[in-house]
Amino acid sequence: MAMTTSRMGPARTVGGPTFSELFTPKLVTVLREGYSFAHFRSDALAGLTVAIVALPLSMAIAIASGGTPAQGLYTSIFGGLVVSLLGGSRFQIGGPAGAFIVLVAGTVQQHGMQGLLLATILAGLMLVAIGLFRLGTYIKFIPYPVTVGFTSGIALIIFSSQIKDLLGLSLAGPEPGPLLEKLPVLWSALPSVNISALLVSAVTVVSIVAVRRLRPQWPAMLIGVAAASVVTAAFGLPVATIGTQFGGISSHLPMPALPEFSIEKVVAILPNAVAFALLGSIESLLSAVVADGMTGRRHRSNCELVAQGVANIVSAIFQGICVTGTIARTATNVRAGAHGPIAGIMHSAFLLVFVLVAAPLASYIPLAALAGVLAVVCWNMVERHAFAMLLRASAGDALVLLATFGLTVFRDLTEAIVVGFALGSVLFIHRMSRTTAIEVDLPLVPEDRSDTGNSGRQSYEEGAASDHDVVVYRISGAFFFGAAASIGTVLDRISDSHRALIIDFSSVPFVDSTAANTIEGLAHKAGRRSVGVVLTGTTHAIRRDLLAFGIKPPLVSFADSIESARAKVRRKLKNRA
């Protein structure tokens, strides 16, 4: 896979970036740029907005993970602070994530809370090592169907774990973890439905949906939890609350302490730590990529992983659970107008103020309300459009998607990712074998031809190379998940001065779903900046694959050649003038 551009790019230092350039936290970069009071005001408002969103989520995720609501807040306070101080993303918000619920709950059930804390520290050390050895780039090689498959599978498992609290069921024994064992137990407990708990969870969900639809700028989840708490207190509903279940939340922070340590314990929890590190690296870098797409900035992958590793270590020392970059809270941070990492620092500071001042109020929050919050989170986690699109795209993508989804739900998340990646690689080899042409009697040294001998040769256009309105990228080779990250990085560097981007596929034998997703994200980003995207040289098969992923007019336009694309762009620009 190679890429060329018709315009000269910025000069690069021979030998690549230095260690300090790769691992300088974005906080330092932002402060070097110059930081004014206006910037601080924007960050403070964004931090407050994110803290309001994170408050109910942090508690709900911790409870669903087998911990206490206070542990969720400690994770956001201490882990989120470190992510913003040391991270390689300008807008990343760290804290407990819904994707970890399944792994964390299983670890607590198997090894206890001390085992979870030790596994979190070991995962943090692994993330630091992955970042320092600059392996973060390879995390982006996960095929798109794999990420959609395991994310949707996790959402289904989390939702199933909340049915008990959503309905207020009374179980005869402990709730089983595996889905196939859990469903019969829940079904047999249906006669014990608590109508009050069902009402509280319904009020929460309806409030969140209504606020998001009518007042999308308001903190829907906090309003939903507050509404449910008021209904519970006003009518004296007999439902479990944080106060009755956990005795409330202490208004004092925990002292730092290391978990119980032994070689035997380390060996026992090592597989859990590996799973934490694997999922944490994927989740945090996906979140950073989402922030990049929303803002046009670029994160430092390896620096971000080092920060995530240190954040997990610090979180566990202060009795918190696993930390990662959170997509929903990071996106909220961007939309709230954050300028840089100080917004994340302020988010942690506002949560700290809540713990120190208003922690007693949390005792009145019904567990059914927090279950309703997680039900909404699960609905948002399932990428329904992408799931349906991958099922229709090709039999290979559907196989990878369903295998990853099925293994996540019925087996193990780590196993699902490994098998999904392996199937994606086999699918790539199969597609390559179908696009490889064999030519016989090729000479050892290719024949040297004159310019006139190349019938397809085009004359050189000086104006095309110096055109500041239009930039042309030519991709050569298979455009698949292994190359999508690096190609996407290059394509993302579209200057605001460009008014059109032409991407030539003449030398591309095929594209896979990850590559198509990269082009779709690029086109949406370009559209937000009023940059037109024209795709040229696409074969019938490639165009069919792109159309299947929604890459079609008006998102992009197609042309037969670069020359015809330039003519189309010039006409469009002339009509705008």
Protein backbone atom coordinates (compact mmCIF):
# COMPACT_ATOMS: atom_id res chain seq x y z
CA MET A 1 0.00 0.00 0.00
CA ALA A 2 1.39 3.36 -0.99
CA MET A 3 0.05 6.87 -1.30
CA THR A 4 1.24 9.82 -3.32
CA THR A 5 -0.03 13.37 -3.49
CA SER A 6 0.19 15.95 -6.23
CA ARG A 7 1.19 18.63 -3.71
CA MET A 8 4.37 18.79 -1.70
CA GLY A 9 3.81 17.95 2.01
CA PRO A 10 5.56 19.55 4.97
CA ALA A 11 9.22 18.80 5.44
CA ARG A 12 9.95 16.00 7.89
CA THR A 13 12.97 15.51 10.05
CA VAL A 14 15.25 12.78 8.74
CA GLY A 15 14.97 9.81 11.08
CA GLY A 16 11.41 10.57 12.21
CA PRO A 17 10.10 12.27 15.35
CA THR A 18 12.12 12.19 18.54
CA PHE A 19 11.08 10.48 21.77
CA SER A 20 10.16 13.80 23.37
CA GLU A 21 8.01 14.74 20.37
CA LEU A 22 6.09 11.47 20.57
CA PHE A 23 5.57 11.49 24.33
CA THR A 24 5.02 15.16 25.13
CA PRO A 25 1.57 15.41 26.80
CA LYS A 26 -0.97 17.50 24.95
CA LEU A 27 -1.34 19.60 28.08
CA VAL A 28 2.23 20.85 27.56
CA THR A 29 1.50 21.50 23.88
CA VAL A 30 -1.61 23.54 24.69
CA LEU A 31 0.19 25.62 27.30
CA ARG A 32 3.06 26.28 24.88
CA GLU A 33 0.58 27.62 22.34
CA GLY A 34 -0.50 30.25 24.86
CA TYR A 35 -3.33 29.86 27.33
CA SER A 36 -5.66 32.77 28.11
CA PHE A 37 -8.45 33.33 30.59
CA ALA A 38 -10.95 32.88 27.74
CA HIS A 39 -9.49 29.43 27.13
CA PHE A 40 -9.78 28.59 30.84
CA ARG A 41 -13.39 29.75 30.89
CA SER A 42 -14.20 27.48 27.94
CA ASP A 43 -12.42 24.54 29.60
CA ALA A 44 -14.14 25.15 32.95
CA LEU A 45 -17.61 25.19 31.35
CA ALA A 46 -16.81 22.07 29.32
CA GLY A 47 -15.42 20.34 32.42
CA LEU A 48 -18.58 21.13 34.38
CA THR A 49 -20.73 19.80 31.54
CA VAL A 50 -18.78 16.55 31.36
CA ALA A 51 -18.79 16.15 35.16
CA ILE A 52 -22.59 16.41 35.16
CA VAL A 53 -22.72 13.64 32.54
CA ALA A 54 -20.05 11.54 34.29
CA LEU A 55 -21.63 11.71 37.75
CA PRO A 56 -24.49 9.21 37.26
CA LEU A 57 -22.54 7.18 34.69
CA SER A 58 -19.53 6.63 36.93
CA MET A 59 -21.71 5.32 39.76
CA ALA A 60 -23.87 3.17 37.47
CA ILE A 61 -20.88 1.55 35.75
CA ALA A 62 -19.14 0.82 39.06
CA ILE A 63 -22.25 -0.80 40.55
CA ALA A 64 -22.79 -2.92 37.42
CA SER A 65 -19.13 -3.95 37.58
CA GLY A 66 -19.49 -5.37 41.08
CA GLY A 67 -18.02 -2.37 42.89
CA THR A 68 -19.46 0.51 44.89
CA PRO A 69 -20.72 3.83 43.48
CA ALA A 70 -17.87 5.60 45.31
CA GLN A 71 -15.33 3.53 43.36
CA GLY A 72 -16.77 4.83 40.10
CA LEU A 73 -16.33 8.40 41.29
CA TYR A 74 -12.76 7.71 42.49
CA THR A 75 -11.98 6.28 39.05
CA SER A 76 -13.17 9.43 37.30
CA ILE A 77 -11.46 11.73 39.79
CA PHE A 78 -8.01 10.14 39.98
CA GLY A 79 -7.87 8.22 36.70
CA GLY A 80 -9.47 11.02 34.71
CA LEU A 81 -7.05 13.53 36.20
CA VAL A 82 -3.98 11.52 35.12
CA VAL A 83 -5.36 10.96 31.61
CA SER A 84 -5.75 14.72 31.12
CA LEU A 85 -2.37 15.54 32.69
CA LEU A 86 -0.28 13.03 30.70
CA GLY A 87 -2.43 12.05 27.70
CA GLY A 88 -1.66 12.40 24.03
CA SER A 89 -5.18 13.52 23.13
CA ARG A 90 -6.28 17.10 23.50
CA PHE A 91 -9.87 16.27 24.44
CA GLN A 92 -9.83 12.77 25.95
CA ILE A 93 -11.91 12.22 29.09
CA GLY A 94 -10.87 9.23 31.19
CA GLY A 95 -13.00 7.24 33.60
CA PRO A 96 -14.89 3.96 34.01
CA ALA A 97 -16.37 2.68 30.75
CA GLY A 98 -19.36 0.51 30.02
CA ALA A 99 -17.25 -1.73 27.80
CA PHE A 100 -15.33 -2.91 30.88
CA ILE A 101 -18.38 -3.95 32.92
CA VAL A 102 -18.33 -7.55 31.73
CA LEU A 103 -14.60 -8.05 32.34
CA VAL A 104 -14.52 -6.22 35.67
CA ALA A 105 -17.60 -8.00 37.04
CA GLY A 106 -16.16 -11.37 36.07
CA THR A 107 -12.84 -10.55 37.72
CA VAL A 108 -14.52 -9.44 40.96
CA GLN A 109 -16.63 -12.58 41.01
CA GLN A 110 -13.59 -14.80 40.42
CA HIS A 111 -10.82 -13.06 42.37
CA GLY A 112 -12.52 -10.53 44.64
CA MET A 113 -11.96 -6.78 44.83
CA GLN A 114 -8.28 -7.16 45.79
CA GLY A 115 -7.76 -9.29 42.70
CA LEU A 116 -9.42 -6.62 40.54
CA LEU A 117 -7.19 -3.87 41.93
CA LEU A 118 -4.07 -5.97 41.31
CA ALA A 119 -5.20 -6.82 37.76
CA THR A 120 -5.83 -3.12 37.10
CA ILE A 121 -2.29 -2.22 38.20
CA LEU A 122 -0.79 -4.98 36.04
CA ALA A 123 -2.88 -3.83 33.07
CA GLY A 124 -1.59 -0.30 33.67
CA LEU A 125 2.01 -1.52 33.56
CA MET A 126 1.26 -3.36 30.30
CA LEU A 127 -0.25 -0.24 28.75
CA VAL A 128 2.81 1.80 29.74
CA ALA A 129 5.05 -0.82 28.11
CA ILE A 130 2.90 -0.94 24.95
CA GLY A 131 3.16 2.82 24.64
CA LEU A 132 6.89 3.06 25.36
CA PHE A 133 7.64 0.35 22.81
CA ARG A 134 5.53 2.35 20.30
CA LEU A 135 3.08 -0.47 19.65
CA GLY A 136 0.05 1.81 19.77
CA THR A 137 0.01 2.09 15.99
CA TYR A 138 -0.70 -1.63 15.65
CA ILE A 139 -3.82 -1.38 17.82
CA LYS A 140 -5.42 0.44 14.87
CA PHE A 141 -5.09 -2.71 12.77
CA ILE A 142 -8.24 -4.16 14.35
CA PRO A 143 -10.74 -4.68 11.47
CA TYR A 144 -13.90 -2.61 11.57
CA PRO A 145 -16.29 -5.62 11.78
CA VAL A 146 -14.42 -6.78 14.90
CA THR A 147 -14.91 -3.46 16.73
CA VAL A 148 -18.60 -3.34 15.79
CA GLY A 149 -19.05 -7.00 16.79
CA PHE A 150 -17.49 -6.85 20.23
CA THR A 151 -19.03 -3.45 21.05
CA SER A 152 -22.52 -4.75 20.23
CA GLY A 153 -21.88 -7.97 22.14
CA ILE A 154 -20.76 -6.07 25.23
CA ALA A 155 -23.88 -3.89 25.05
CA LEU A 156 -26.12 -6.97 25.01
CA ILE A 157 -24.33 -8.50 28.02
CA ILE A 158 -24.48 -5.24 30.01
CA PHE A 159 -28.20 -4.87 29.31
CA SER A 160 -28.86 -8.43 30.45
CA SER A 161 -27.02 -7.65 33.70
CA GLN A 162 -29.39 -4.72 34.36
CA ILE A 163 -32.68 -6.59 33.89
CA LYS A 164 -32.76 -7.55 37.58
CA ASP A 165 -32.57 -3.91 38.76
CA LEU A 166 -34.74 -2.58 35.92
CA LEU A 167 -37.59 -4.86 37.01
CA GLY A 168 -36.72 -5.04 40.72
CA LEU A 169 -36.58 -8.85 40.61
CA SER A 170 -35.92 -10.93 43.73
CA LEU A 171 -33.60 -13.88 43.03
CA ALA A 172 -33.34 -16.99 45.19
CA GLY A 173 -29.56 -17.01 44.84
CA PRO A 174 -26.71 -15.05 43.25
CA GLU A 175 -27.25 -13.92 39.66
CA PRO A 176 -25.25 -16.07 37.19
CA GLY A 177 -22.72 -14.31 34.98
CA PRO A 178 -22.94 -16.20 31.62
CA LEU A 179 -25.89 -15.13 29.49
CA LEU A 180 -27.25 -18.62 28.83
CA GLU A 181 -27.29 -19.35 32.56
CA LYS A 182 -28.62 -15.91 33.50
CA LEU A 183 -31.71 -15.82 31.26
CA PRO A 184 -33.49 -18.88 32.76
CA VAL A 185 -32.91 -17.55 36.29
CA LEU A 186 -34.34 -14.14 35.36
CA TRP A 187 -37.28 -15.76 33.60
CA SER A 188 -38.15 -17.84 36.65
CA ALA A 189 -38.00 -14.70 38.82
CA LEU A 190 -40.44 -12.70 36.66
CA PRO A 191 -43.37 -13.20 39.06
CA SER A 192 -41.41 -11.14 41.64
CA VAL A 193 -41.43 -7.98 39.49
CA ASN A 194 -41.42 -4.81 41.62
CA ILE A 195 -43.85 -2.42 39.93
CA SER A 196 -42.29 0.53 41.75
CA ALA A 197 -38.81 -0.31 40.43
CA LEU A 198 -40.23 -0.75 36.94
CA LEU A 199 -41.88 2.68 37.23
CA VAL A 200 -38.64 4.31 38.41
CA SER A 201 -36.58 2.83 35.58
CA ALA A 202 -39.26 3.82 33.06
CA VAL A 203 -39.29 7.41 34.39
CA THR A 204 -35.50 7.51 34.04
CA VAL A 205 -35.40 6.23 30.46
CA VAL A 206 -38.33 8.39 29.29
CA SER A 207 -36.83 11.48 30.91
CA ILE A 208 -33.44 10.90 29.24
CA VAL A 209 -34.99 10.33 25.81
CA ALA A 210 -37.33 13.32 26.13
CA VAL A 211 -34.61 15.72 27.27
CA ARG A 212 -32.25 14.61 24.50
CA ARG A 213 -34.98 15.19 21.92
CA LEU A 214 -36.38 18.46 23.24
CA ARG A 215 -33.32 20.05 24.91
CA PRO A 216 -30.24 18.21 23.58
CA GLN A 217 -27.87 20.68 25.26
CA TRP A 218 -29.16 19.78 28.75
CA PRO A 219 -27.61 16.96 30.88
CA ALA A 220 -30.20 14.30 30.08
CA MET A 221 -28.83 11.49 32.27
CA LEU A 222 -28.49 13.62 35.38
CA ILE A 223 -32.01 15.01 34.86
CA GLY A 224 -33.35 11.47 34.40
CA VAL A 225 -31.73 10.22 37.62
CA ALA A 226 -32.85 13.34 39.52
CA ALA A 227 -36.45 12.92 38.27
CA ALA A 228 -36.49 9.27 39.33
CA SER A 229 -35.05 10.15 42.75
CA VAL A 230 -37.70 12.83 43.29
CA VAL A 231 -40.50 10.43 42.30
CA THR A 232 -39.10 7.79 44.67
CA ALA A 233 -38.83 10.18 47.61
CA ALA A 234 -42.16 11.95 46.97
CA PHE A 235 -44.22 8.76 46.82
CA GLY A 236 -42.11 6.73 49.26
CA LEU A 237 -41.64 3.96 46.71
CA PRO A 238 -40.27 0.69 48.11
CA VAL A 239 -37.18 0.40 45.90
CA ALA A 240 -33.49 -0.18 46.64
CA THR A 241 -31.32 2.94 46.68
CA ILE A 242 -27.61 3.64 46.99
CA GLY A 243 -28.22 4.37 50.67
CA THR A 244 -30.04 1.11 51.43
CA GLN A 245 -27.71 -1.02 49.30
CA PHE A 246 -24.29 0.55 49.95
CA GLY A 247 -24.83 2.81 52.97
CA GLY A 248 -24.30 5.94 50.89
CA ILE A 249 -21.05 7.52 49.72
CA SER A 250 -18.40 8.75 52.10
CA SER A 251 -17.46 12.43 51.85
CA HIS A 252 -13.81 11.53 52.53
CA LEU A 253 -11.33 10.36 49.91
CA PRO A 254 -9.56 7.02 50.39
CA MET A 255 -5.93 6.89 51.39
CA PRO A 256 -3.58 5.41 48.77
CA ALA A 257 -2.88 1.73 49.34
CA LEU A 258 -1.52 -1.19 47.34
CA PRO A 259 -3.65 -4.33 46.94
CA GLU A 260 -2.67 -7.70 48.34
CA PHE A 261 0.26 -9.08 46.38
CA SER A 262 1.70 -12.56 45.85
CA ILE A 263 3.23 -14.42 42.92
CA GLU A 264 0.36 -16.90 42.97
CA LYS A 265 -2.17 -14.08 42.82
CA VAL A 266 -0.32 -12.41 39.93
CA VAL A 267 -0.32 -15.65 37.92
CA ALA A 268 -4.01 -16.18 38.64
CA ILE A 269 -5.16 -12.73 37.52
CA LEU A 270 -2.70 -12.31 34.62
CA PRO A 271 -5.24 -13.30 31.92
CA ASN A 272 -7.67 -10.71 33.32
CA ALA A 273 -4.95 -8.05 33.26
CA VAL A 274 -4.14 -8.87 29.62
CA ALA A 275 -7.83 -8.53 28.73
CA PHE A 276 -8.00 -5.17 30.55
CA ALA A 277 -4.92 -3.90 28.69
CA LEU A 278 -6.19 -5.11 25.30
CA LEU A 279 -9.66 -3.60 25.68
CA GLY A 280 -8.31 -0.45 27.31
CA SER A 281 -5.92 0.24 24.45
CA ILE A 282 -8.60 -0.31 21.82
CA GLU A 283 -11.26 1.72 23.64
CA SER A 284 -8.99 4.66 24.47
CA LEU A 285 -7.56 4.97 20.95
CA LEU A 286 -11.03 4.67 19.40
CA SER A 287 -12.17 7.51 21.65
CA ALA A 288 -9.14 9.61 20.65
CA VAL A 289 -9.88 8.96 16.97
CA VAL A 290 -13.49 10.08 17.46
CA ALA A 291 -12.23 13.32 19.03
CA ASP A 292 -9.81 13.79 16.11
CA GLY A 293 -12.65 13.37 13.64
CA MET A 294 -14.77 15.95 15.45
CA THR A 295 -12.03 18.56 15.76
CA GLY A 296 -9.48 17.97 12.99
CA ARG A 297 -6.70 17.53 15.58
CA ARG A 298 -4.28 14.58 15.79
CA HIS A 299 -3.62 12.58 18.95
CA ARG A 300 -0.36 10.85 19.91
CA SER A 301 -1.27 7.16 20.20
CA ASN A 302 1.69 5.92 22.22
CA CYS A 303 1.67 8.90 24.57
CA GLU A 304 -2.03 8.29 25.15
CA LEU A 305 -1.43 4.63 26.02
CA VAL A 306 1.29 5.55 28.53
CA ALA A 307 -1.12 7.99 30.17
CA GLN A 308 -3.87 5.36 30.27
CA GLY A 309 -1.44 2.94 31.91
CA VAL A 310 -0.39 5.39 34.62
CA ALA A 311 -4.06 6.33 35.16
CA ASN A 312 -5.00 2.69 35.81
CA ILE A 313 -2.18 2.32 38.33
CA VAL A 314 -3.17 5.50 40.18
CA SER A 315 -6.89 4.60 40.07
CA ALA A 316 -6.26 1.18 41.64
CA ILE A 317 -4.05 2.68 44.36
CA PHE A 318 -6.98 4.95 45.31
CA GLN A 319 -9.46 2.01 45.23
CA GLY A 320 -10.81 2.86 41.77
CA ILE A 321 -11.54 0.42 38.94
CA CYS A 322 -10.30 0.26 35.33
CA VAL A 323 -9.78 3.56 33.47
CA THR A 324 -10.01 4.17 29.75
CA GLY A 325 -10.91 6.91 27.32
CA THR A 326 -14.69 7.23 27.17
CA ILE A 327 -16.19 8.02 23.78
CA ALA A 328 -19.48 9.57 24.98
CA ARG A 329 -17.85 11.83 27.59
CA THR A 330 -15.02 12.80 25.22
CA ALA A 331 -17.55 13.74 22.52
CA THR A 332 -19.50 15.73 25.11
CA ASN A 333 -16.29 17.53 26.04
CA VAL A 334 -15.71 18.54 22.41
CA ARG A 335 -19.30 19.66 21.86
CA ALA A 336 -19.17 21.69 25.08
CA GLY A 337 -16.39 23.84 23.60
CA ALA A 338 -13.29 22.52 25.38
CA HIS A 339 -9.98 24.07 24.37
CA GLY A 340 -7.61 21.45 25.78
CA PRO A 341 -6.82 18.94 28.55
CA ILE A 342 -7.59 21.41 31.33
CA ALA A 343 -11.26 20.67 30.62
CA GLY A 344 -10.61 17.07 31.68
CA ILE A 345 -8.78 18.28 34.78
CA MET A 346 -11.75 20.50 35.66
CA HIS A 347 -14.11 17.55 35.12
CA SER A 348 -12.21 15.64 37.81
CA ALA A 349 -12.15 18.70 40.08
CA PHE A 350 -15.94 19.16 39.89
CA LEU A 351 -16.50 15.48 40.71
CA LEU A 352 -14.15 15.87 43.67
CA VAL A 353 -16.23 18.81 44.92
CA PHE A 354 -19.36 16.63 44.67
CA VAL A 355 -17.76 13.89 46.78
CA LEU A 356 -16.53 16.32 49.42
CA VAL A 357 -19.69 18.45 49.62
CA ALA A 358 -22.77 16.70 48.26
CA ALA A 359 -22.04 12.96 48.65
CA PRO A 360 -24.95 12.40 51.11
CA LEU A 361 -27.43 13.31 48.36
CA ALA A 362 -26.38 10.22 46.39
CA SER A 363 -27.98 8.01 49.05
CA TYR A 364 -31.42 8.82 47.63
CA ILE A 365 -30.63 7.62 44.08
CA PRO A 366 -32.61 4.44 43.22
CA LEU A 367 -30.64 1.55 41.73
CA ALA A 368 -33.43 1.18 39.16
CA ALA A 369 -32.63 4.70 37.94
CA LEU A 370 -28.96 3.84 37.43
CA ALA A 371 -30.04 0.67 35.63
CA GLY A 372 -32.14 2.86 33.35
CA VAL A 373 -29.07 4.99 32.63
CA LEU A 374 -27.11 1.89 31.62
CA ALA A 375 -30.00 0.67 29.48
CA VAL A 376 -29.75 3.91 27.47
CA VAL A 377 -25.96 3.52 27.31
CA CYS A 378 -26.36 0.00 25.91
CA TRP A 379 -28.78 1.23 23.25
CA ASN A 380 -26.26 3.86 22.20
CA MET A 381 -23.35 1.38 22.24
CA VAL A 382 -24.98 -0.88 19.65
CA GLU A 383 -23.97 0.50 16.26
CA ARG A 384 -27.20 -0.62 14.62
CA HIS A 385 -26.62 1.08 11.28
CA ALA A 386 -23.06 -0.27 11.01
CA PHE A 387 -24.16 -3.77 12.11
CA ALA A 388 -26.87 -3.96 9.43
CA MET A 389 -24.55 -2.47 6.82
CA LEU A 390 -21.80 -5.04 7.49
CA LEU A 391 -24.31 -7.88 7.26
CA ARG A 392 -25.30 -6.64 3.79
CA ALA A 393 -21.81 -5.67 2.62
CA SER A 394 -20.31 -9.11 2.02
CA ALA A 395 -20.40 -12.66 3.33
CA GLY A 396 -16.84 -12.29 4.65
CA ASP A 397 -17.55 -9.14 6.68
CA ALA A 398 -20.78 -10.69 7.98
CA LEU A 399 -18.84 -13.78 9.10
CA VAL A 400 -16.23 -11.74 10.98
CA LEU A 401 -18.95 -9.59 12.56
CA LEU A 402 -21.16 -12.47 13.69
CA ALA A 403 -18.23 -14.57 14.92
CA THR A 404 -16.93 -11.69 17.04
CA PHE A 405 -20.41 -10.86 18.31
CA GLY A 406 -21.23 -14.48 19.15
CA LEU A 407 -17.95 -15.17 20.93
CA THR A 408 -18.26 -11.95 22.93
CA VAL A 409 -21.76 -12.87 24.11
CA PHE A 410 -21.32 -16.59 24.71
CA ARG A 411 -17.58 -17.08 25.30
CA ASP A 412 -14.96 -14.44 26.10
CA LEU A 413 -14.11 -10.94 24.89
CA THR A 414 -10.38 -11.59 24.39
CA GLU A 415 -11.12 -14.76 22.47
CA ALA A 416 -13.63 -12.84 20.34
CA ILE A 417 -11.09 -10.17 19.38
CA VAL A 418 -8.35 -12.71 18.58
CA VAL A 419 -10.66 -14.90 16.47
CA GLY A 420 -12.18 -11.86 14.75
CA PHE A 421 -8.75 -10.50 13.86
CA ALA A 422 -7.68 -13.93 12.55
CA LEU A 423 -10.81 -14.25 10.41
CA GLY A 424 -10.26 -10.72 9.11
CA SER A 425 -6.71 -11.64 8.10
CA VAL A 426 -7.90 -14.80 6.33
CA LEU A 427 -10.56 -12.75 4.53
CA PHE A 428 -7.87 -10.30 3.43
CA ILE A 429 -5.69 -13.12 2.05
CA HIS A 430 -8.69 -14.53 0.20
CA ARG A 431 -9.49 -11.16 -1.35
CA MET A 432 -5.87 -10.63 -2.32
CA SER A 433 -5.76 -14.02 -4.03
CA ARG A 434 -8.76 -13.03 -6.15
CA THR A 435 -7.22 -9.73 -7.21
CA THR A 436 -3.75 -11.02 -8.05
CA ALA A 437 -3.06 -11.23 -11.77
CA ILE A 438 -0.35 -13.51 -13.18
CA GLU A 439 1.69 -12.37 -16.17
CA VAL A 440 3.92 -14.88 -18.00
CA ASP A 441 7.27 -14.26 -19.67
CA LEU A 442 8.06 -11.18 -17.57
CA PRO A 443 11.70 -10.16 -18.06
CA LEU A 444 14.01 -10.02 -15.05
CA VAL A 445 14.73 -6.35 -15.82
CA PRO A 446 11.70 -4.35 -17.08
CA GLU A 447 12.01 -2.80 -20.52
CA ASP A 448 13.00 0.88 -20.59
CA ARG A 449 10.40 2.73 -22.64
CA SER A 450 10.41 6.20 -24.10
CA ASP A 451 7.80 8.75 -23.15
CA THR A 452 6.09 8.32 -26.50
CA GLY A 453 6.03 4.57 -25.97
CA ASN A 454 3.74 4.87 -22.95
CA SER A 455 0.38 5.26 -24.61
CA GLY A 456 -1.39 6.02 -21.35
CA ARG A 457 1.06 8.66 -20.23
CA GLN A 458 -0.43 12.07 -19.47
CA SER A 459 1.40 15.33 -20.07
CA TYR A 460 2.65 17.16 -16.97
CA GLU A 461 0.48 20.02 -15.76
CA GLU A 462 2.31 22.61 -13.70
CA GLY A 463 -0.96 24.24 -12.71
CA ALA A 464 -2.29 20.99 -11.23
CA ALA A 465 0.68 20.64 -8.90
CA SER A 466 0.39 24.22 -7.68
CA ASP A 467 -3.42 24.32 -7.41
CA HIS A 468 -4.15 25.53 -3.87
CA ASP A 469 -7.86 24.76 -4.12
CA VAL A 470 -7.61 21.11 -5.11
CA VAL A 471 -5.42 18.36 -3.64
CA VAL A 472 -5.11 14.92 -5.28
CA TYR A 473 -4.17 11.70 -3.45
CA ARG A 474 -3.35 8.53 -5.34
CA ILE A 475 -3.67 5.28 -3.42
CA SER A 476 -1.91 2.20 -4.76
CA GLY A 477 -2.25 -1.33 -3.42
CA ALA A 478 -4.86 -3.11 -1.33
CA PHE A 479 -6.76 -0.67 0.87
CA PHE A 480 -7.52 -2.92 3.87
CA PHE A 481 -7.62 -2.74 7.67
CA GLY A 482 -3.83 -3.00 7.99
CA ALA A 483 -3.31 0.14 5.89
CA ALA A 484 -6.46 2.06 6.79
CA ALA A 485 -4.93 3.72 9.85
CA SER A 486 -1.86 5.09 8.07
CA ILE A 487 -3.83 6.13 4.98
CA GLY A 488 -6.46 7.75 7.18
CA THR A 489 -3.74 9.72 8.97
CA VAL A 490 -2.49 11.13 5.68
CA LEU A 491 -5.97 11.89 4.36
CA ASP A 492 -6.90 13.66 7.58
CA ARG A 493 -4.28 16.34 6.92
CA ILE A 494 -6.56 18.43 4.76
CA SER A 495 -5.79 22.11 5.06
CA ASP A 496 -8.64 24.51 5.53
CA SER A 497 -7.39 26.29 2.42
CA HIS A 498 -8.28 23.29 0.22
CA ARG A 499 -11.71 23.42 -1.29
CA ALA A 500 -11.75 19.97 -2.87
CA LEU A 501 -10.09 16.58 -2.34
CA ILE A 502 -9.68 14.06 -5.14
CA ILE A 503 -8.83 10.46 -4.14
CA ASP A 504 -7.71 8.23 -7.00
CA PHE A 505 -8.41 4.47 -6.71
CA SER A 506 -7.00 3.52 -10.12
CA SER A 507 -4.29 1.32 -8.57
CA VAL A 508 -6.41 -0.15 -5.77
CA PRO A 509 -7.46 -3.79 -6.34
CA PHE A 510 -10.01 -3.84 -3.50
CA VAL A 511 -11.21 -2.11 -0.33
CA ASP A 512 -12.50 -3.74 2.82
CA SER A 513 -15.02 -2.51 5.40
CA THR A 514 -12.36 -0.82 7.55
CA ALA A 515 -11.08 1.15 4.57
CA ALA A 516 -14.62 2.09 3.56
CA ASN A 517 -15.29 3.29 7.10
CA THR A 518 -12.11 5.40 6.90
CA ILE A 519 -13.28 7.05 3.68
CA GLU A 520 -16.76 7.64 5.12
CA GLY A 521 -15.33 9.34 8.21
CA LEU A 522 -13.04 11.46 6.04
CA ALA A 523 -15.93 12.53 3.79
CA HIS A 524 -18.09 13.57 6.76
CA LYS A 525 -15.19 15.53 8.23
CA ALA A 526 -14.48 17.20 4.88
CA GLY A 527 -18.16 18.08 4.52
CA ARG A 528 -18.15 19.86 7.87
CA ARG A 529 -15.27 21.98 6.55
CA SER A 530 -17.00 22.59 3.18
CA VAL A 531 -14.38 20.52 1.35
CA GLY A 532 -15.75 18.50 -1.56
CA VAL A 533 -14.59 14.89 -2.01
CA VAL A 534 -14.37 13.24 -5.44
CA LEU A 535 -13.43 9.57 -5.91
CA THR A 536 -11.87 8.59 -9.23
CA GLY A 537 -10.72 5.39 -10.90
CA THR A 538 -13.03 3.12 -8.92
CA THR A 539 -13.77 -0.24 -10.49
CA HIS A 540 -17.31 -1.56 -10.53
CA ALA A 541 -16.53 -3.86 -7.57
CA ILE A 542 -14.94 -1.10 -5.49
CA ARG A 543 -17.75 1.33 -6.22
CA ARG A 544 -20.29 -1.31 -5.25
CA ASP A 545 -18.48 -1.86 -1.92
CA LEU A 546 -18.29 1.87 -1.24
CA LEU A 547 -21.97 2.38 -2.06
CA ALA A 548 -22.86 -0.45 0.34
CA PHE A 549 -21.27 1.58 3.14
CA GLY A 550 -23.18 4.74 2.30
CA ILE A 551 -20.31 6.41 0.43
CA LYS A 552 -22.38 7.98 -2.32
CA PRO A 553 -23.70 11.37 -3.41
CA PRO A 554 -24.12 13.87 -1.87
CA LEU A 555 -21.49 12.71 0.64
CA VAL A 556 -18.99 12.19 -2.20
CA SER A 557 -19.07 12.34 -5.98
CA PHE A 558 -17.50 10.01 -8.53
CA ALA A 559 -15.52 10.65 -11.70
CA ASP A 560 -13.85 8.38 -14.25
CA SER A 561 -10.45 10.06 -14.09
CA ILE A 562 -8.50 12.71 -12.22
CA GLU A 563 -8.83 15.06 -15.20
CA SER A 564 -12.61 14.76 -15.32
CA ALA A 565 -12.72 15.18 -11.53
CA ARG A 566 -10.70 18.39 -11.79
CA ALA A 567 -13.07 19.67 -14.46
CA LYS A 568 -16.07 18.83 -12.27
CA VAL A 569 -14.50 20.59 -9.28
CA ARG A 570 -13.64 23.69 -11.33
CA ARG A 571 -17.22 23.93 -12.60
CA LYS A 572 -18.57 23.61 -9.07
CA LEU A 573 -16.18 26.20 -7.68
CA LYS A 574 -16.99 28.54 -10.58
CA ASN A 575 -20.72 28.21 -9.88
CA ARG A 576 -20.13 29.07 -6.20
CA ALA A 577 -18.13 32.20 -7.08
